[in-house]
């Protein structure tokens, strides 16, 4: 296919939460987007829902597992074949699994690292060559405030999110001369589908969950996925042309003062 005039973004884990919010934001800005997610994630439904507003020609979905190198390669290949180029990569797919060092098995730790860190490394490894060939590209990894502060009972998750900061700094250093920028976003508490579903399983409504989060940080509440997506899409854009190798904290001031009552 001929190269699209619009910039092209690839978003992993784009069927829900922060990933879907990023897809929506890119579409509103006129970009073409390919997103990936697990086969059971509802990606096809998301494709239909987001394409219903006339964005179908600029939107594509590839199911796959971020842990599988072949799936990552297929996603990048599809983006290039469908849209003719790849300008932006948002490495968002991840899992949040609690566990202390003294309790966690090797397999439990490896699973979290395989998804959150190695998954991001794999998709970056596939996407970077085409960006380097074009002489321009932006990578944004979704890390976490946990990478900066650390929280009890979150060994593997915190370690994996800290590793993402090292990953983007490596990319920024290695490929900056080739026109590649790479940054991480470190969200604080964000009310994603994952958290809403967990709350619902406990009989807690979205309104009740938001109420429970009152007093968080300086803003006094948790973030909505769209607010984190705004930070991501800014870093991915030319408006952030002088920002690279950074971990941008978007936590409503929690890391400054903590929870405020």
C-alpha atoms as a PDB file:
ATOM      1  CA  UNK A   1       0.000   0.000   0.000  1.00  0.00           C
ATOM      2  CA  UNK A   2       1.164   3.563  -0.663  1.00  0.00           C
ATOM      3  CA  UNK A   3       2.487   5.431   2.341  1.00  0.00           C
ATOM      4  CA  UNK A   4      -0.182   7.329   4.253  1.00  0.00           C
ATOM      5  CA  UNK A   5       0.181  11.088   4.596  1.00  0.00           C
ATOM      6  CA  UNK A   6      -0.718  10.853   8.281  1.00  0.00           C
ATOM      7  CA  UNK A   7       1.700   9.738  10.948  1.00  0.00           C
ATOM      8  CA  UNK A   8       1.258   6.116  12.052  1.00  0.00           C
ATOM      9  CA  UNK A   9       1.229   4.849  15.630  1.00  0.00           C
ATOM     10  CA  UNK A  10       1.378   1.310  16.963  1.00  0.00           C
ATOM     11  CA  UNK A  11      -0.086   0.795  20.455  1.00  0.00           C
ATOM     12  CA  UNK A  12       0.299  -2.480  22.337  1.00  0.00           C
ATOM     13  CA  UNK A  13      -2.461  -3.439  24.751  1.00  0.00           C
ATOM     14  CA  UNK A  14      -4.748  -1.013  22.957  1.00  0.00           C
ATOM     15  CA  UNK A  15      -8.109  -2.686  23.534  1.00  0.00           C
ATOM     16  CA  UNK A  16      -8.734  -1.121  26.932  1.00  0.00           C
ATOM     17  CA  UNK A  17      -7.477   1.208  29.632  1.00  0.00           C
ATOM     18  CA  UNK A  18      -4.626   3.603  28.938  1.00  0.00           C
ATOM     19  CA  UNK A  19      -3.859   1.820  25.662  1.00  0.00           C
ATOM     20  CA  UNK A  20      -7.342   2.384  24.274  1.00  0.00           C
ATOM     21  CA  UNK A  21      -7.279   5.991  25.463  1.00  0.00           C
ATOM     22  CA  UNK A  22      -4.038   6.462  23.503  1.00  0.00           C
ATOM     23  CA  UNK A  23      -5.630   4.960  20.382  1.00  0.00           C
ATOM     24  CA  UNK A  24      -8.588   7.318  20.729  1.00  0.00           C
ATOM     25  CA  UNK A  25      -6.334  10.335  21.239  1.00  0.00           C
ATOM     26  CA  UNK A  26      -4.196   9.522  18.197  1.00  0.00           C
ATOM     27  CA  UNK A  27      -7.297   9.087  16.057  1.00  0.00           C
ATOM     28  CA  UNK A  28      -8.671  12.456  17.171  1.00  0.00           C
ATOM     29  CA  UNK A  29      -5.366  14.004  16.121  1.00  0.00           C
ATOM     30  CA  UNK A  30      -5.686  12.515  12.638  1.00  0.00           C
ATOM     31  CA  UNK A  31      -3.106   9.731  12.934  1.00  0.00           C
ATOM     32  CA  UNK A  32      -3.444   6.215  11.620  1.00  0.00           C
ATOM     33  CA  UNK A  33      -3.251   3.595  14.364  1.00  0.00           C
ATOM     34  CA  UNK A  34      -2.649  -0.121  14.617  1.00  0.00           C
ATOM     35  CA  UNK A  35      -3.212  -1.591  18.067  1.00  0.00           C
ATOM     36  CA  UNK A  36      -2.523  -5.027  19.439  1.00  0.00           C
ATOM     37  CA  UNK A  37      -3.914  -7.046  22.309  1.00  0.00           C
ATOM     38  CA  UNK A  38      -4.563 -10.605  23.423  1.00  0.00           C
ATOM     39  CA  UNK A  39      -7.181 -12.565  21.447  1.00  0.00           C
ATOM     40  CA  UNK A  40      -9.528 -12.551  24.463  1.00  0.00           C
ATOM     41  CA  UNK A  41      -9.125  -8.825  25.116  1.00  0.00           C
ATOM     42  CA  UNK A  42     -12.087  -7.597  23.103  1.00  0.00           C
ATOM     43  CA  UNK A  43      -9.880  -6.091  20.433  1.00  0.00           C
ATOM     44  CA  UNK A  44     -12.327  -6.804  17.621  1.00  0.00           C
ATOM     45  CA  UNK A  45     -15.080  -5.062  19.578  1.00  0.00           C
ATOM     46  CA  UNK A  46     -12.813  -2.089  20.194  1.00  0.00           C
ATOM     47  CA  UNK A  47     -11.970  -1.980  16.481  1.00  0.00           C
ATOM     48  CA  UNK A  48     -15.673  -1.803  15.594  1.00  0.00           C
ATOM     49  CA  UNK A  49     -16.468   0.755  18.283  1.00  0.00           C
ATOM     50  CA  UNK A  50     -13.641   3.122  17.402  1.00  0.00           C
ATOM     51  CA  UNK A  51     -14.024   2.632  13.660  1.00  0.00           C
ATOM     52  CA  UNK A  52     -17.721   3.469  13.800  1.00  0.00           C
ATOM     53  CA  UNK A  53     -16.957   7.198  13.799  1.00  0.00           C
ATOM     54  CA  UNK A  54     -15.475   7.024  10.322  1.00  0.00           C
ATOM     55  CA  UNK A  55     -11.972   6.162  11.482  1.00  0.00           C
ATOM     56  CA  UNK A  56     -12.011   2.648  10.018  1.00  0.00           C
ATOM     57  CA  UNK A  57      -9.613   3.532   7.221  1.00  0.00           C
ATOM     58  CA  UNK A  58      -7.091   4.775   9.769  1.00  0.00           C
ATOM     59  CA  UNK A  59      -7.490   1.988  12.299  1.00  0.00           C
ATOM     60  CA  UNK A  60      -6.308  -1.630  12.379  1.00  0.00           C
ATOM     61  CA  UNK A  61      -6.076  -4.364  14.995  1.00  0.00           C
ATOM     62  CA  UNK A  62      -3.781  -7.364  15.259  1.00  0.00           C
ATOM     63  CA  UNK A  63      -4.368  -9.937  17.990  1.00  0.00           C
ATOM     64  CA  UNK A  64      -1.323 -11.443  19.598  1.00  0.00           C
ATOM     65  CA  UNK A  65       0.731 -12.008  22.711  1.00  0.00           C
ATOM     66  CA  UNK A  66       3.471  -9.517  23.543  1.00  0.00           C
ATOM     67  CA  UNK A  67       5.492 -12.461  24.898  1.00  0.00           C
ATOM     68  CA  UNK A  68       5.740 -13.999  21.417  1.00  0.00           C
ATOM     69  CA  UNK A  69       8.374 -12.552  19.097  1.00  0.00           C
ATOM     70  CA  UNK A  70       6.462 -13.748  16.035  1.00  0.00           C
ATOM     71  CA  UNK A  71       3.341 -11.834  17.150  1.00  0.00           C
ATOM     72  CA  UNK A  72       5.341  -8.647  17.608  1.00  0.00           C
ATOM     73  CA  UNK A  73       6.933  -9.037  14.190  1.00  0.00           C
ATOM     74  CA  UNK A  74       3.503  -9.597  12.629  1.00  0.00           C
ATOM     75  CA  UNK A  75       2.123  -6.450  14.220  1.00  0.00           C
ATOM     76  CA  UNK A  76       4.918  -4.264  12.871  1.00  0.00           C
ATOM     77  CA  UNK A  77       4.743  -5.911   9.442  1.00  0.00           C
ATOM     78  CA  UNK A  78       0.996  -5.339   9.293  1.00  0.00           C
ATOM     79  CA  UNK A  79       1.376  -1.664  10.228  1.00  0.00           C
ATOM     80  CA  UNK A  80       3.958  -1.155   7.503  1.00  0.00           C
ATOM     81  CA  UNK A  81       1.924  -3.046   4.900  1.00  0.00           C
ATOM     82  CA  UNK A  82      -1.342  -1.331   5.828  1.00  0.00           C
ATOM     83  CA  UNK A  83      -0.112   2.232   6.265  1.00  0.00           C
ATOM     84  CA  UNK A  84       3.324   2.251   4.616  1.00  0.00           C
ATOM     85  CA  UNK A  85       5.247   3.637   7.577  1.00  0.00           C
ATOM     86  CA  UNK A  86       5.623   3.601  11.353  1.00  0.00           C
ATOM     87  CA  UNK A  87       6.331   6.800  13.269  1.00  0.00           C
ATOM     88  CA  UNK A  88       5.285   6.089  16.860  1.00  0.00           C
ATOM     89  CA  UNK A  89       5.364   3.099  19.171  1.00  0.00           C
ATOM     90  CA  UNK A  90       3.521   3.056  22.492  1.00  0.00           C
ATOM     91  CA  UNK A  91       4.632   0.055  24.546  1.00  0.00           C
ATOM     92  CA  UNK A  92       1.653  -0.163  26.871  1.00  0.00           C
ATOM     93  CA  UNK A  93       0.772  -3.850  27.272  1.00  0.00           C
ATOM     94  CA  UNK A  94       1.355  -5.103  30.782  1.00  0.00           C
ATOM     95  CA  UNK A  95       0.140  -7.065  33.759  1.00  0.00           C
ATOM     96  CA  UNK A  96      -0.151  -6.063  37.397  1.00  0.00           C
ATOM     97  CA  UNK A  97       0.534  -8.989  39.694  1.00  0.00           C
ATOM     98  CA  UNK A  98       1.194  -8.541  43.418  1.00  0.00           C
ATOM     99  CA  UNK A  99       3.756 -10.544  45.342  1.00  0.00           C
ATOM    100  CA  UNK A 100       6.576 -10.177  47.868  1.00  0.00           C
ATOM    101  CA  UNK A 101      10.098 -11.386  47.235  1.00  0.00           C
ATOM    102  CA  UNK A 102       9.803 -13.881  50.085  1.00  0.00           C
ATOM    103  CA  UNK A 103       6.607 -15.367  48.664  1.00  0.00           C
ATOM    104  CA  UNK A 104       6.997 -15.141  44.884  1.00  0.00           C
ATOM    105  CA  UNK A 105       8.155 -18.127  42.870  1.00  0.00           C
ATOM    106  CA  UNK A 106      10.627 -17.857  40.010  1.00  0.00           C
ATOM    107  CA  UNK A 107       7.829 -18.512  37.520  1.00  0.00           C
ATOM    108  CA  UNK A 108       5.638 -15.735  38.951  1.00  0.00           C
ATOM    109  CA  UNK A 109       8.466 -13.228  38.730  1.00  0.00           C
ATOM    110  CA  UNK A 110       9.430 -14.360  35.238  1.00  0.00           C
ATOM    111  CA  UNK A 111       5.849 -14.021  33.973  1.00  0.00           C
ATOM    112  CA  UNK A 112       5.595 -10.377  34.997  1.00  0.00           C
ATOM    113  CA  UNK A 113       9.021  -9.522  33.599  1.00  0.00           C
ATOM    114  CA  UNK A 114       8.247 -11.405  30.385  1.00  0.00           C
ATOM    115  CA  UNK A 115       5.162  -9.308  29.727  1.00  0.00           C
ATOM    116  CA  UNK A 116       6.046  -5.904  31.134  1.00  0.00           C
ATOM    117  CA  UNK A 117       9.734  -5.612  30.277  1.00  0.00           C
ATOM    118  CA  UNK A 118      10.659  -8.239  27.702  1.00  0.00           C
ATOM    119  CA  UNK A 119       7.382  -7.705  25.833  1.00  0.00           C
ATOM    120  CA  UNK A 120       8.195  -4.024  25.467  1.00  0.00           C
ATOM    121  CA  UNK A 121      11.774  -4.824  24.449  1.00  0.00           C
ATOM    122  CA  UNK A 122      10.537  -7.249  21.786  1.00  0.00           C
ATOM    123  CA  UNK A 123       8.125  -4.819  20.154  1.00  0.00           C
ATOM    124  CA  UNK A 124      10.763  -2.058  20.255  1.00  0.00           C
ATOM    125  CA  UNK A 125      13.269  -4.385  18.583  1.00  0.00           C
ATOM    126  CA  UNK A 126      10.790  -5.022  15.770  1.00  0.00           C
ATOM    127  CA  UNK A 127       9.655  -1.428  15.329  1.00  0.00           C
ATOM    128  CA  UNK A 128      12.949   0.446  15.530  1.00  0.00           C
ATOM    129  CA  UNK A 129      14.553  -0.622  12.214  1.00  0.00           C
ATOM    130  CA  UNK A 130      11.870   1.045  10.072  1.00  0.00           C
ATOM    131  CA  UNK A 131      12.035   4.205  12.199  1.00  0.00           C
ATOM    132  CA  UNK A 132      15.813   4.301  11.969  1.00  0.00           C
ATOM    133  CA  UNK A 133      15.581   3.862   8.199  1.00  0.00           C
ATOM    134  CA  UNK A 134      13.234   6.869   8.001  1.00  0.00           C
ATOM    135  CA  UNK A 135      15.474   8.921  10.284  1.00  0.00           C
ATOM    136  CA  UNK A 136      12.675   9.720  12.735  1.00  0.00           C
ATOM    137  CA  UNK A 137      10.567   7.979  15.353  1.00  0.00           C
ATOM    138  CA  UNK A 138       9.157   8.221  18.860  1.00  0.00           C
ATOM    139  CA  UNK A 139       8.885   5.465  21.448  1.00  0.00           C
ATOM    140  CA  UNK A 140       6.809   5.879  24.606  1.00  0.00           C
ATOM    141  CA  UNK A 141       6.725   3.146  27.251  1.00  0.00           C
ATOM    142  CA  UNK A 142       4.076   3.037  29.949  1.00  0.00           C
ATOM    143  CA  UNK A 143       5.982   2.627  33.185  1.00  0.00           C
ATOM    144  CA  UNK A 144       4.523   3.472  36.606  1.00  0.00           C
ATOM    145  CA  UNK A 145       5.012   5.609  39.663  1.00  0.00           C
ATOM    146  CA  UNK A 146       5.887   2.247  41.250  1.00  0.00           C
ATOM    147  CA  UNK A 147       9.151   2.358  39.294  1.00  0.00           C
ATOM    148  CA  UNK A 148      10.153   5.537  41.082  1.00  0.00           C
ATOM    149  CA  UNK A 149       8.770   5.042  44.584  1.00  0.00           C
ATOM    150  CA  UNK A 150       8.241   1.321  45.089  1.00  0.00           C
ATOM    151  CA  UNK A 151       5.270  -0.127  46.955  1.00  0.00           C
ATOM    152  CA  UNK A 152       4.872  -3.028  49.379  1.00  0.00           C
ATOM    153  CA  UNK A 153       3.913  -6.380  47.931  1.00  0.00           C
ATOM    154  CA  UNK A 154       4.726  -5.468  44.306  1.00  0.00           C
ATOM    155  CA  UNK A 155       8.202  -6.882  43.725  1.00  0.00           C
ATOM    156  CA  UNK A 156       8.038  -8.048  40.113  1.00  0.00           C
ATOM    157  CA  UNK A 157       5.707  -5.290  38.930  1.00  0.00           C
ATOM    158  CA  UNK A 158       7.866  -2.527  40.404  1.00  0.00           C
ATOM    159  CA  UNK A 159      11.051  -4.078  39.009  1.00  0.00           C
ATOM    160  CA  UNK A 160       9.548  -4.519  35.541  1.00  0.00           C
ATOM    161  CA  UNK A 161       8.351  -0.923  35.410  1.00  0.00           C
ATOM    162  CA  UNK A 162      11.739   0.347  36.543  1.00  0.00           C
ATOM    163  CA  UNK A 163      13.339  -1.707  33.771  1.00  0.00           C
ATOM    164  CA  UNK A 164      11.181   0.134  31.217  1.00  0.00           C
ATOM    165  CA  UNK A 165      12.822   3.399  32.204  1.00  0.00           C
ATOM    166  CA  UNK A 166      16.213   1.854  31.535  1.00  0.00           C
ATOM    167  CA  UNK A 167      14.921   0.509  28.220  1.00  0.00           C
ATOM    168  CA  UNK A 168      13.850   3.909  26.884  1.00  0.00           C
ATOM    169  CA  UNK A 169      17.079   5.509  28.050  1.00  0.00           C
ATOM    170  CA  UNK A 170      19.029   2.831  26.221  1.00  0.00           C
ATOM    171  CA  UNK A 171      17.035   3.477  23.043  1.00  0.00           C
ATOM    172  CA  UNK A 172      17.452   7.235  23.393  1.00  0.00           C
ATOM    173  CA  UNK A 173      21.214   6.901  23.802  1.00  0.00           C
ATOM    174  CA  UNK A 174      21.753   4.253  21.137  1.00  0.00           C
ATOM    175  CA  UNK A 175      19.525   5.723  18.438  1.00  0.00           C
ATOM    176  CA  UNK A 176      19.216   9.436  19.140  1.00  0.00           C
ATOM    177  CA  UNK A 177      21.627  10.202  16.319  1.00  0.00           C
ATOM    178  CA  UNK A 178      19.233   8.360  13.997  1.00  0.00           C
ATOM    179  CA  UNK A 179      16.337  10.645  14.913  1.00  0.00           C
ATOM    180  CA  UNK A 180      14.735   8.388  17.515  1.00  0.00           C
ATOM    181  CA  UNK A 181      13.309   9.778  20.744  1.00  0.00           C
ATOM    182  CA  UNK A 182      12.289   7.485  23.597  1.00  0.00           C
ATOM    183  CA  UNK A 183      10.550   8.335  26.857  1.00  0.00           C
ATOM    184  CA  UNK A 184       8.550   6.669  29.606  1.00  0.00           C
ATOM    185  CA  UNK A 185       5.381   7.834  31.334  1.00  0.00           C
ATOM    186  CA  UNK A 186       4.957   6.945  35.000  1.00  0.00           C
ATOM    187  CA  UNK A 187       1.260   7.159  35.880  1.00  0.00           C
ATOM    188  CA  UNK A 188       0.019   7.232  39.425  1.00  0.00           C
ATOM    189  CA  UNK A 189      -3.316   5.688  40.404  1.00  0.00           C
ATOM    190  CA  UNK A 190      -5.422   5.468  37.242  1.00  0.00           C
ATOM    191  CA  UNK A 191      -8.949   4.099  37.012  1.00  0.00           C
ATOM    192  CA  UNK A 192      -8.506   1.695  34.119  1.00  0.00           C
ATOM    193  CA  UNK A 193     -10.863  -1.105  33.101  1.00  0.00           C
ATOM    194  CA  UNK A 194      -8.703  -3.473  35.132  1.00  0.00           C
ATOM    195  CA  UNK A 195      -9.289  -1.557  38.339  1.00  0.00           C
ATOM    196  CA  UNK A 196     -12.982  -0.980  37.636  1.00  0.00           C
ATOM    197  CA  UNK A 197     -13.503  -4.688  36.992  1.00  0.00           C
ATOM    198  CA  UNK A 198     -11.654  -5.695  40.152  1.00  0.00           C
ATOM    199  CA  UNK A 199     -13.777  -3.248  42.120  1.00  0.00           C
ATOM    200  CA  UNK A 200     -16.974  -4.574  40.546  1.00  0.00           C
ATOM    201  CA  UNK A 201     -16.006  -8.099  41.606  1.00  0.00           C
ATOM    202  CA  UNK A 202     -15.981  -6.799  45.186  1.00  0.00           C
ATOM    203  CA  UNK A 203     -19.356  -5.129  44.700  1.00  0.00           C
ATOM    204  CA  UNK A 204     -17.857  -1.632  44.424  1.00  0.00           C
ATOM    205  CA  UNK A 205     -19.312   0.643  41.735  1.00  0.00           C
ATOM    206  CA  UNK A 206     -17.187   3.035  39.646  1.00  0.00           C
ATOM    207  CA  UNK A 207     -18.682   5.957  41.565  1.00  0.00           C
ATOM    208  CA  UNK A 208     -17.795   4.345  44.883  1.00  0.00           C
ATOM    209  CA  UNK A 209     -14.265   3.600  43.707  1.00  0.00           C
ATOM    210  CA  UNK A 210     -13.751   7.197  42.649  1.00  0.00           C
ATOM    211  CA  UNK A 211     -15.065   8.300  46.026  1.00  0.00           C
ATOM    212  CA  UNK A 212     -12.558   6.008  47.764  1.00  0.00           C
ATOM    213  CA  UNK A 213      -9.754   7.674  45.803  1.00  0.00           C
ATOM    214  CA  UNK A 214     -10.595  11.165  47.039  1.00  0.00           C
ATOM    215  CA  UNK A 215      -7.565  12.746  48.651  1.00  0.00           C
ATOM    216  CA  UNK A 216      -5.043  11.020  46.350  1.00  0.00           C
ATOM    217  CA  UNK A 217      -1.966  13.181  45.839  1.00  0.00           C
ATOM    218  CA  UNK A 218      -2.291  16.938  45.361  1.00  0.00           C
ATOM    219  CA  UNK A 219      -5.106  16.769  42.837  1.00  0.00           C
ATOM    220  CA  UNK A 220      -7.233  14.810  45.282  1.00  0.00           C
ATOM    221  CA  UNK A 221      -8.331  12.015  42.985  1.00  0.00           C
ATOM    222  CA  UNK A 222      -7.140   9.215  40.719  1.00  0.00           C
ATOM    223  CA  UNK A 223      -6.483   9.803  37.029  1.00  0.00           C
ATOM    224  CA  UNK A 224      -8.711   8.801  34.149  1.00  0.00           C
ATOM    225  CA  UNK A 225      -6.994   6.890  31.295  1.00  0.00           C
ATOM    226  CA  UNK A 226      -7.561   9.804  28.893  1.00  0.00           C
ATOM    227  CA  UNK A 227      -5.454  12.070  31.105  1.00  0.00           C
ATOM    228  CA  UNK A 228      -2.482   9.727  30.902  1.00  0.00           C
ATOM    229  CA  UNK A 229      -3.036   9.350  27.161  1.00  0.00           C
ATOM    230  CA  UNK A 230      -2.647  13.106  26.749  1.00  0.00           C
ATOM    231  CA  UNK A 231       0.852  12.880  28.232  1.00  0.00           C
ATOM    232  CA  UNK A 232       1.688   9.912  25.990  1.00  0.00           C
ATOM    233  CA  UNK A 233       0.491  11.537  22.784  1.00  0.00           C
ATOM    234  CA  UNK A 234       2.340  14.736  23.629  1.00  0.00           C
ATOM    235  CA  UNK A 235       5.617  12.855  24.087  1.00  0.00           C
ATOM    236  CA  UNK A 236       4.989  11.011  20.827  1.00  0.00           C
ATOM    237  CA  UNK A 237       4.403  14.242  18.913  1.00  0.00           C
ATOM    238  CA  UNK A 238       6.758  16.802  17.419  1.00  0.00           C
ATOM    239  CA  UNK A 239       5.690  19.176  20.199  1.00  0.00           C
ATOM    240  CA  UNK A 240       8.045  17.152  22.401  1.00  0.00           C
ATOM    241  CA  UNK A 241      10.888  17.240  19.886  1.00  0.00           C
ATOM    242  CA  UNK A 242      13.440  18.223  22.564  1.00  0.00           C
ATOM    243  CA  UNK A 243      12.371  15.586  25.115  1.00  0.00           C
ATOM    244  CA  UNK A 244      14.095  12.212  25.121  1.00  0.00           C
ATOM    245  CA  UNK A 245      15.420   9.673  27.593  1.00  0.00           C
ATOM    246  CA  UNK A 246      13.033  10.893  30.295  1.00  0.00           C
ATOM    247  CA  UNK A 247      10.622   9.322  32.775  1.00  0.00           C
ATOM    248  CA  UNK A 248       7.688  11.711  33.012  1.00  0.00           C
ATOM    249  CA  UNK A 249       5.715  11.347  36.239  1.00  0.00           C
ATOM    250  CA  UNK A 250       1.954  11.877  35.882  1.00  0.00           C
ATOM    251  CA  UNK A 251       0.642  11.106  39.346  1.00  0.00           C
ATOM    252  CA  UNK A 252      -1.366  14.107  40.482  1.00  0.00           C
ATOM    253  CA  UNK A 253       1.447  15.087  42.835  1.00  0.00           C
ATOM    254  CA  UNK A 254       1.392  11.828  44.821  1.00  0.00           C
ATOM    255  CA  UNK A 255       5.179  11.446  44.654  1.00  0.00           C
ATOM    256  CA  UNK A 256       5.603  14.894  46.184  1.00  0.00           C
ATOM    257  CA  UNK A 257       3.253  14.711  49.124  1.00  0.00           C
ATOM    258  CA  UNK A 258       1.600  11.307  49.141  1.00  0.00           C
ATOM    259  CA  UNK A 259      -2.059  10.748  49.925  1.00  0.00           C
ATOM    260  CA  UNK A 260      -3.792  13.822  51.290  1.00  0.00           C
ATOM    261  CA  UNK A 261      -6.693  13.531  53.700  1.00  0.00           C
END
